Amino acid sequence: MSRRRLRGWLLLLLLPLAGVSSWLVIAERQPLVSRSEGIAASSIADARRLLASNHPSRQQRGDARTALIPAALVDTAINHFASRSLGGRGAFVIVGRSGELRLSIPLHSLPDTRYLNLSAVIAGADGYPRIAAASLADLPLPGWLAEAAVAAMIRAAGLAEQWRVAERSIRRVDFDAGAGHVVVDYVWQPELLEQVRSLAITPEDAVNLRSAQTALAGLLDHRAGAVPVPLAQVLTPLLRCCSEPSPRCGRAALLVLAAHVSGNSLSQLLPEARSWPRPRRVKLSLHGRHDSAQHFVVSAAFAAWAGEPAADAVGLDKEMRDARSGSGFSFADLAADRAGIRFGELVVARSPRLQAALQRPLSDGDLAPSLAGLPEGLSAAEFERRFVAPESASYRQMTAEIERRLSAMSLYR
């Protein structure tokens, strides 16, 4: 073998070793961000208030607006993205007049689990925010290089058009540590809403949603509107109809059913849904209750589309609002929420256990545990007297009882 060929083979052998060595150099044994993937109910309340103050229906093209985004909400959103998309954790804090973003991504392919730790300091600026400094582990990166890497990732993810629309809309971003806000000055453009929709609902999702709504309309067409129908009698055949064409069709079925039980229309998400077949207005029940069916299905859809932490937070936020000004806090509603969340996760995972269960008629008892003995109708004062807060031992005792009932069910073991 010639010396040149020998050098070539050695180079080929050394390249993988060099790559592994590089990972070992920048990978760290401890994560920069260590936290749960949970979402606080307060974050859902923050998101509702932000949407209410910047609702697209109250804006005209060219309107200049300022959005005050709570830093805690940005922190929650980044951690949710890191958990769902990267299998890691994320965090965001405001330091002075800048924002600091941190990410920790586990590298399970290495002999011992290590972490890719990244951080970036984002400075306020006209237009979209600029990366002032960044680091990968202990390796400092210039801001321009970090921005170039972000731009490349945006293009690779197919988000270039969404990014261009955002750039045209955003006029300035500042960070207010005192108020705990990210301050975004923007000019409203209807294209923003279209781009958000395109991120939330892909063309494949739209096809699946239409298929699921058509199937639901067929299932309810012969039902009498005044007579409540057990949820299992509709959910089971609907999922059977949608189980074959696409792995994503099951979650489409849950979203269609959630829109139905909550009295909403998918046209709020997809304008073209106005021309789809409309299901007959039929009340569905779970353990003889319409509200339990609503909680189960809506939570299942949230879990399927946004994950368990988001679904849990939405359910708890709803109960806390009910305690203040509605029907009262209900652990029975939370039990229906938790059952729906577990069901939604099984649908997305295409669980063999669920697929086997769908081959036979299901009953209410197969979907949700007994709600007997779970406190309901608690006013804010009564809830505080008995349970103090969701972090208290007495509250955790009730949620543990709900989880015990769920774990005793064959579908959720």
Protein backbone atom coordinates (compact mmCIF):
# COMPACT_ATOMS: atom_id res chain seq x y z
CA MET A 1 0.00 0.00 0.00
CA SER A 2 1.39 3.39 -0.98
CA ARG A 3 2.13 6.05 1.61
CA ARG A 4 -0.57 8.33 0.13
CA ARG A 5 -3.25 5.64 0.39
CA LEU A 6 -2.12 4.79 3.91
CA ARG A 7 -2.49 8.43 4.93
CA GLY A 8 -5.98 8.45 3.37
CA TRP A 9 -7.10 5.42 5.34
CA LEU A 10 -5.67 6.84 8.56
CA LEU A 11 -7.53 10.08 7.93
CA LEU A 12 -10.80 8.19 7.44
CA LEU A 13 -10.23 6.35 10.70
CA LEU A 14 -9.30 9.49 12.60
CA LEU A 15 -12.24 11.62 11.44
CA PRO A 16 -14.86 9.77 13.55
CA LEU A 17 -12.48 9.81 16.50
CA ALA A 18 -11.99 13.53 16.06
CA GLY A 19 -15.76 14.02 15.96
CA VAL A 20 -16.26 12.02 19.16
CA SER A 21 -13.41 13.90 20.82
CA SER A 22 -14.99 17.21 19.86
CA TRP A 23 -18.29 16.17 21.42
CA LEU A 24 -16.49 15.07 24.58
CA VAL A 25 -14.75 18.44 24.80
CA ILE A 26 -17.94 20.53 24.53
CA ALA A 27 -20.30 18.09 26.25
CA GLU A 28 -20.60 18.63 30.00
CA ARG A 29 -21.51 16.25 32.78
CA GLN A 30 -24.02 18.64 34.38
CA PRO A 31 -26.88 20.45 32.62
CA LEU A 32 -26.92 24.23 32.63
CA VAL A 33 -30.72 24.05 33.01
CA SER A 34 -32.24 21.53 35.40
CA ARG A 35 -36.00 21.75 35.89
CA SER A 36 -39.19 19.82 35.23
CA GLU A 37 -41.20 20.16 32.03
CA GLY A 38 -44.25 21.22 34.04
CA ILE A 39 -46.23 24.35 33.18
CA ALA A 40 -47.79 26.50 35.89
CA ALA A 41 -51.45 27.44 35.62
CA SER A 42 -50.32 31.06 35.99
CA SER A 43 -48.58 30.78 32.60
CA ILE A 44 -51.91 29.88 30.98
CA ALA A 45 -53.46 32.93 32.64
CA ASP A 46 -50.59 35.09 31.34
CA ALA A 47 -51.10 33.72 27.82
CA ARG A 48 -54.85 34.42 27.96
CA ARG A 49 -54.27 38.03 29.04
CA LEU A 50 -51.61 38.54 26.35
CA LEU A 51 -53.95 37.22 23.66
CA ALA A 52 -56.84 39.34 24.94
CA SER A 53 -54.78 42.54 24.75
CA ASN A 54 -53.40 41.72 21.28
CA HIS A 55 -56.29 39.83 19.70
CA PRO A 56 -56.08 39.72 15.89
CA SER A 57 -59.81 40.40 15.50
CA ARG A 58 -59.35 43.88 16.97
CA GLN A 59 -56.44 44.89 14.76
CA GLN A 60 -56.22 46.37 11.29
CA ARG A 61 -53.31 46.12 8.87
CA GLY A 62 -50.67 48.70 9.78
CA ASP A 63 -51.82 49.21 13.38
CA ALA A 64 -48.83 50.00 15.61
CA ARG A 65 -49.05 48.08 18.88
CA THR A 66 -46.90 47.22 21.88
CA ALA A 67 -47.03 43.77 23.47
CA LEU A 68 -45.87 43.39 27.07
CA ILE A 69 -44.89 39.74 27.28
CA PRO A 70 -44.23 38.44 30.83
CA ALA A 71 -40.70 37.10 31.12
CA ALA A 72 -42.12 34.11 33.02
CA LEU A 73 -44.28 33.26 30.00
CA VAL A 74 -41.26 33.43 27.67
CA ASP A 75 -39.37 31.21 30.11
CA THR A 76 -42.21 28.67 30.13
CA ALA A 77 -42.50 28.71 26.33
CA ILE A 78 -38.78 28.14 25.83
CA ASN A 79 -38.72 25.26 28.31
CA HIS A 80 -41.79 23.73 26.66
CA PHE A 81 -40.14 23.97 23.22
CA ALA A 82 -36.88 22.49 24.53
CA SER A 83 -38.75 19.64 26.21
CA ARG A 84 -41.04 18.81 23.28
CA SER A 85 -38.68 19.38 20.35
CA LEU A 86 -35.18 18.76 21.72
CA GLY A 87 -35.75 16.41 24.62
CA GLY A 88 -33.95 18.91 26.84
CA ARG A 89 -34.70 21.88 29.05
CA GLY A 90 -34.63 25.63 28.52
CA ALA A 91 -34.81 28.84 30.52
CA PHE A 92 -35.09 32.59 30.00
CA VAL A 93 -34.29 35.46 32.37
CA ILE A 94 -33.99 39.22 31.99
CA VAL A 95 -30.70 40.62 33.23
CA GLY A 96 -30.50 44.40 33.12
CA ARG A 97 -31.54 45.51 29.63
CA SER A 98 -30.87 42.13 28.02
CA GLY A 99 -32.46 38.72 27.92
CA GLU A 100 -30.51 35.54 28.58
CA LEU A 101 -31.52 32.28 26.92
CA ARG A 102 -30.20 28.94 28.20
CA LEU A 103 -30.58 25.44 26.76
CA SER A 104 -29.43 22.02 27.94
CA ILE A 105 -29.76 19.12 25.51
CA PRO A 106 -28.89 15.59 26.68
CA LEU A 107 -26.51 13.61 24.46
CA HIS A 108 -27.58 10.03 25.11
CA SER A 109 -25.36 8.66 22.33
CA LEU A 110 -22.23 9.18 24.44
CA PRO A 111 -21.09 6.45 26.85
CA ASP A 112 -22.28 8.50 29.83
CA THR A 113 -25.16 10.93 29.36
CA ARG A 114 -23.70 14.37 28.89
CA TYR A 115 -25.22 17.70 28.02
CA LEU A 116 -24.85 20.23 25.28
CA ASN A 117 -25.16 23.51 27.18
CA LEU A 118 -25.83 26.67 25.21
CA SER A 119 -26.47 30.23 26.33
CA ALA A 120 -27.07 33.49 24.51
CA VAL A 121 -27.37 37.09 25.63
CA ILE A 122 -29.98 38.93 23.56
CA ALA A 123 -29.81 42.71 23.42
CA GLY A 124 -32.71 45.04 22.80
CA ALA A 125 -32.64 46.58 19.33
CA ASP A 126 -34.66 48.09 16.53
CA GLY A 127 -36.12 45.29 14.45
CA TYR A 128 -35.75 41.76 15.75
CA PRO A 129 -33.48 41.22 18.80
CA ARG A 130 -29.75 40.72 18.30
CA ILE A 131 -27.48 38.13 19.89
CA ALA A 132 -24.82 40.12 21.71
CA ALA A 133 -22.86 37.11 22.97
CA ALA A 134 -23.18 33.35 23.11
CA SER A 135 -21.39 30.30 24.44
CA LEU A 136 -21.31 26.58 23.80
CA ALA A 137 -20.24 24.95 27.07
CA ASP A 138 -17.16 27.01 28.05
CA LEU A 139 -16.47 28.02 24.46
CA PRO A 140 -17.43 31.67 23.79
CA LEU A 141 -19.02 32.40 20.42
CA PRO A 142 -19.22 35.82 18.75
CA GLY A 143 -22.73 37.16 18.31
CA TRP A 144 -22.49 37.25 14.51
CA LEU A 145 -21.59 33.57 14.38
CA ALA A 146 -24.48 32.64 16.67
CA GLU A 147 -26.88 34.68 14.51
CA ALA A 148 -25.61 32.98 11.37
CA ALA A 149 -26.17 29.58 13.01
CA VAL A 150 -29.71 30.57 14.02
CA ALA A 151 -30.46 31.77 10.47
CA ALA A 152 -29.19 28.47 9.06
CA MET A 153 -31.36 26.48 11.47
CA ILE A 154 -34.42 28.56 10.55
CA ARG A 155 -33.84 27.83 6.86
CA ALA A 156 -33.22 24.14 7.53
CA ALA A 157 -36.47 23.92 9.50
CA GLY A 158 -38.41 25.43 6.60
CA LEU A 159 -39.37 28.52 8.59
CA ALA A 160 -37.73 31.16 6.40
CA GLU A 161 -41.04 32.67 5.23
CA GLN A 162 -42.45 32.85 8.77
CA TRP A 163 -39.25 34.53 9.91
CA ARG A 164 -39.43 37.09 7.10
CA VAL A 165 -43.01 38.03 8.03
CA ALA A 166 -41.99 38.43 11.68
CA GLU A 167 -39.04 40.61 10.68
CA ARG A 168 -41.32 42.90 8.67
CA SER A 169 -43.72 43.24 11.61
CA ILE A 170 -41.39 43.75 14.58
CA ARG A 171 -40.16 47.31 15.04
CA ARG A 172 -38.28 47.04 18.33
CA VAL A 173 -37.64 44.63 21.20
CA ASP A 174 -36.60 45.71 24.70
CA PHE A 175 -36.16 43.95 28.02
CA ASP A 176 -37.59 45.52 31.19
CA ALA A 177 -36.17 43.77 34.25
CA GLY A 178 -38.09 45.97 36.70
CA ALA A 179 -41.50 45.11 35.27
CA GLY A 180 -40.44 41.61 34.22
CA HIS A 181 -41.54 42.13 30.62
CA VAL A 182 -40.22 41.62 27.12
CA VAL A 183 -41.49 44.74 25.32
CA VAL A 184 -42.25 44.18 21.63
CA ASP A 185 -43.26 47.08 19.39
CA TYR A 186 -44.86 45.74 16.23
CA VAL A 187 -47.01 46.67 13.26
CA TRP A 188 -49.90 44.29 12.68
CA GLN A 189 -49.93 42.36 9.44
CA PRO A 190 -52.64 39.74 8.78
CA GLU A 191 -49.94 37.52 7.26
CA LEU A 192 -48.69 36.96 10.81
CA LEU A 193 -51.85 35.05 11.67
CA GLU A 194 -51.60 32.98 8.51
CA GLN A 195 -48.01 32.04 9.31
CA VAL A 196 -48.94 31.04 12.86
CA ARG A 197 -51.71 28.86 11.46
CA SER A 198 -49.28 27.25 9.03
CA LEU A 199 -47.01 26.35 11.94
CA ALA A 200 -49.85 24.94 14.04
CA ILE A 201 -51.70 23.08 11.27
CA THR A 202 -49.74 21.45 8.47
CA PRO A 203 -51.33 20.55 5.10
CA GLU A 204 -51.37 16.90 6.23
CA ASP A 205 -53.14 17.95 9.44
CA ALA A 206 -55.76 19.83 7.42
CA VAL A 207 -56.49 16.72 5.34
CA ASN A 208 -56.77 14.61 8.48
CA LEU A 209 -59.02 17.15 10.21
CA ARG A 210 -61.39 17.22 7.25
CA SER A 211 -61.48 13.42 7.18
CA ALA A 212 -62.18 13.28 10.92
CA GLN A 213 -64.92 15.92 10.77
CA THR A 214 -66.58 14.13 7.86
CA ALA A 215 -66.48 10.89 9.86
CA LEU A 216 -67.94 12.60 12.96
CA ALA A 217 -70.74 14.14 10.89
CA GLY A 218 -71.60 10.67 9.59
CA LEU A 219 -71.57 9.14 13.08
CA LEU A 220 -73.91 11.79 14.51
CA ASP A 221 -76.20 12.18 11.51
CA HIS A 222 -78.82 9.70 12.82
CA ARG A 223 -78.64 10.82 16.45
CA ALA A 224 -81.44 12.80 18.07
CA GLY A 225 -80.08 16.09 19.31
CA ALA A 226 -82.08 16.11 22.57
CA VAL A 227 -80.80 12.76 23.82
CA PRO A 228 -77.30 12.66 25.40
CA VAL A 229 -75.03 10.06 23.85
CA PRO A 230 -72.36 8.23 25.87
CA LEU A 231 -68.94 9.46 24.76
CA ALA A 232 -67.58 5.96 24.16
CA GLN A 233 -70.29 5.30 21.56
CA VAL A 234 -68.87 8.10 19.40
CA LEU A 235 -65.19 8.18 20.35
CA THR A 236 -64.54 4.50 19.64
CA PRO A 237 -65.91 4.37 16.06
CA LEU A 238 -64.42 7.79 15.29
CA LEU A 239 -60.93 6.58 16.20
CA ARG A 240 -61.52 3.39 14.25
CA CYS A 241 -62.37 5.48 11.19
CA CYS A 242 -59.18 7.51 11.60
CA SER A 243 -56.73 4.85 12.73
CA GLU A 244 -55.53 3.63 9.34
CA PRO A 245 -54.74 6.53 6.95
CA SER A 246 -52.13 8.37 9.03
CA PRO A 247 -50.44 8.20 12.45
CA ARG A 248 -51.48 11.85 12.91
CA CYS A 249 -55.14 11.19 12.14
CA GLY A 250 -55.92 10.09 15.70
CA ARG A 251 -55.03 13.46 17.14
CA ALA A 252 -57.04 15.12 14.37
CA ALA A 253 -60.06 13.10 15.53
CA LEU A 254 -59.56 14.35 19.09
CA LEU A 255 -59.34 17.99 17.97
CA VAL A 256 -62.50 17.68 15.87
CA LEU A 257 -64.35 16.08 18.78
CA ALA A 258 -63.03 18.73 21.20
CA ALA A 259 -64.35 21.49 18.95
CA HIS A 260 -67.72 19.71 18.85
CA VAL A 261 -68.17 19.21 22.61
CA SER A 262 -67.05 22.78 23.39
CA GLY A 263 -69.38 24.30 20.80
CA ASN A 264 -66.57 25.78 18.73
CA SER A 265 -65.80 25.61 15.03
CA LEU A 266 -62.55 24.54 13.42
CA SER A 267 -62.99 27.47 11.04
CA GLN A 268 -61.38 29.59 13.77
CA LEU A 269 -58.19 27.66 13.02
CA LEU A 270 -58.81 26.82 9.38
CA PRO A 271 -61.08 29.16 7.40
CA GLU A 272 -61.62 26.44 4.79
CA ALA A 273 -63.38 24.33 7.44
CA ARG A 274 -66.50 26.46 6.87
CA SER A 275 -67.23 24.33 3.80
CA TRP A 276 -66.73 20.98 5.55
CA PRO A 277 -69.65 18.76 6.63
CA ARG A 278 -71.06 20.00 9.94
CA PRO A 279 -71.77 17.41 12.65
CA ARG A 280 -75.28 17.49 14.14
CA ARG A 281 -75.36 19.22 17.54
CA VAL A 282 -75.50 16.26 19.91
CA LYS A 283 -74.57 16.32 23.60
CA LEU A 284 -72.05 13.70 24.64
CA SER A 285 -71.85 12.42 28.21
CA LEU A 286 -69.29 10.64 30.38
CA HIS A 287 -70.57 8.92 33.52
CA GLY A 288 -73.86 10.60 32.73
CA ARG A 289 -72.35 14.11 32.70
CA HIS A 290 -71.86 16.43 29.74
CA ASP A 291 -69.21 18.49 31.57
CA SER A 292 -67.13 15.36 32.21
CA ALA A 293 -67.22 14.52 28.50
CA GLN A 294 -66.10 18.07 27.70
CA HIS A 295 -63.19 17.90 30.15
CA PHE A 296 -62.10 14.47 28.93
CA VAL A 297 -62.14 15.28 25.22
CA VAL A 298 -60.65 18.79 25.43
CA SER A 299 -57.83 17.55 27.67
CA ALA A 300 -57.19 14.59 25.36
CA ALA A 301 -56.88 16.98 22.41
CA PHE A 302 -54.55 19.31 24.33
CA ALA A 303 -52.35 16.38 25.35
CA ALA A 304 -52.24 15.07 21.78
CA TRP A 305 -51.35 18.43 20.23
CA ALA A 306 -49.38 20.23 22.95
CA GLY A 307 -48.29 17.58 25.46
CA GLU A 308 -49.24 16.57 29.00
CA PRO A 309 -47.76 19.60 30.85
CA ALA A 310 -49.77 22.07 28.75
CA ALA A 311 -52.96 20.02 29.14
CA ASP A 312 -52.49 19.80 32.92
CA ALA A 313 -51.91 23.55 33.20
CA VAL A 314 -54.97 24.41 31.10
CA GLY A 315 -57.18 22.15 33.22
CA LEU A 316 -55.95 23.59 36.52
CA ASP A 317 -56.26 27.17 35.25
CA LYS A 318 -59.89 26.48 34.30
CA GLU A 319 -60.72 25.09 37.75
CA MET A 320 -59.07 28.03 39.54
CA ARG A 321 -61.15 30.43 37.41
CA ASP A 322 -64.29 28.42 38.16
CA ALA A 323 -63.51 28.69 41.88
CA ARG A 324 -63.35 32.49 41.63
CA SER A 325 -66.34 33.20 39.43
CA GLY A 326 -67.91 30.05 38.02
CA SER A 327 -69.31 26.71 39.08
CA GLY A 328 -66.58 26.16 41.67
CA PHE A 329 -63.38 24.12 41.79
CA SER A 330 -64.04 20.47 40.94
CA PHE A 331 -61.73 17.53 41.55
CA ALA A 332 -64.21 15.47 39.50
CA ASP A 333 -63.43 17.73 36.54
CA LEU A 334 -59.71 17.30 37.20
CA ALA A 335 -60.19 13.52 37.19
CA ALA A 336 -61.89 13.73 33.78
CA ASP A 337 -59.04 16.00 32.62
CA ARG A 338 -56.39 13.54 33.78
CA ALA A 339 -58.19 10.61 32.14
CA GLY A 340 -58.40 12.57 28.89
CA ILE A 341 -54.70 13.43 29.07
CA ARG A 342 -53.73 9.79 29.49
CA PHE A 343 -56.05 8.83 26.64
CA GLY A 344 -54.62 11.52 24.35
CA GLU A 345 -51.10 10.30 25.03
CA LEU A 346 -52.12 6.75 24.11
CA VAL A 347 -53.64 8.00 20.85
CA VAL A 348 -50.48 9.87 19.82
CA ALA A 349 -48.24 6.94 20.79
CA ARG A 350 -50.51 4.56 18.82
CA SER A 351 -50.49 2.37 21.90
CA PRO A 352 -51.03 -1.34 21.13
CA ARG A 353 -53.14 -1.50 24.31
CA LEU A 354 -55.45 1.21 22.97
CA GLN A 355 -55.55 -0.33 19.49
CA ALA A 356 -56.62 -3.65 21.04
CA ALA A 357 -59.25 -1.93 23.21
CA LEU A 358 -60.75 -0.21 20.17
CA GLN A 359 -61.57 -3.59 18.65
CA ARG A 360 -64.38 -4.04 21.18
CA PRO A 361 -67.13 -1.72 22.45
CA LEU A 362 -65.84 0.62 25.15
CA SER A 363 -67.84 1.96 28.08
CA ASP A 364 -67.55 5.05 30.27
CA GLY A 365 -65.75 2.92 32.85
CA ASP A 366 -63.08 2.09 30.28
CA LEU A 367 -62.36 5.78 29.62
CA ALA A 368 -62.51 7.46 33.03
CA PRO A 369 -62.54 6.35 36.67
CA SER A 370 -65.44 6.75 39.06
CA LEU A 371 -65.92 10.37 40.10
CA ALA A 372 -67.67 9.43 43.35
CA GLY A 373 -66.45 11.18 46.48
CA LEU A 374 -64.35 13.79 44.68
CA PRO A 375 -65.07 17.31 46.03
CA GLU A 376 -66.88 19.66 43.66
CA GLY A 377 -68.36 23.15 43.59
CA LEU A 378 -65.71 24.66 45.87
CA SER A 379 -65.67 28.46 46.00
CA ALA A 380 -62.30 30.19 46.16
CA ALA A 381 -62.70 30.68 49.92
CA GLU A 382 -63.73 27.06 50.49
CA PHE A 383 -60.89 25.76 48.31
CA GLU A 384 -58.37 27.88 50.23
CA ARG A 385 -59.78 26.72 53.59
CA ARG A 386 -59.62 23.03 52.71
CA PHE A 387 -56.68 22.80 50.32
CA VAL A 388 -54.77 26.11 50.64
CA ALA A 389 -53.07 25.89 47.21
CA PRO A 390 -52.17 23.37 44.50
CA GLU A 391 -48.77 22.93 46.16
CA SER A 392 -50.21 21.85 49.54
CA ALA A 393 -50.11 18.33 50.98
CA SER A 394 -53.91 18.13 51.17
CA TYR A 395 -54.23 19.05 47.48
CA ARG A 396 -51.56 16.54 46.48
CA GLN A 397 -53.43 13.90 48.47
CA MET A 398 -56.51 14.45 46.31
CA THR A 399 -54.56 14.36 43.05
CA ALA A 400 -52.79 11.20 44.23
CA GLU A 401 -56.20 9.59 44.76
CA ILE A 402 -57.17 10.54 41.19
CA GLU A 403 -53.95 9.00 39.85
CA ARG A 404 -54.56 5.87 41.93
CA ARG A 405 -58.01 5.45 40.38
CA LEU A 406 -56.58 5.95 36.89
CA SER A 407 -53.75 3.48 37.42
CA ALA A 408 -56.28 0.84 38.49
CA MET A 409 -57.90 0.99 35.03
CA SER A 410 -56.72 -1.54 32.46
CA LEU A 411 -56.29 1.09 29.73
CA TYR A 412 -54.02 3.34 31.82
CA ARG A 413 -51.89 0.85 33.75
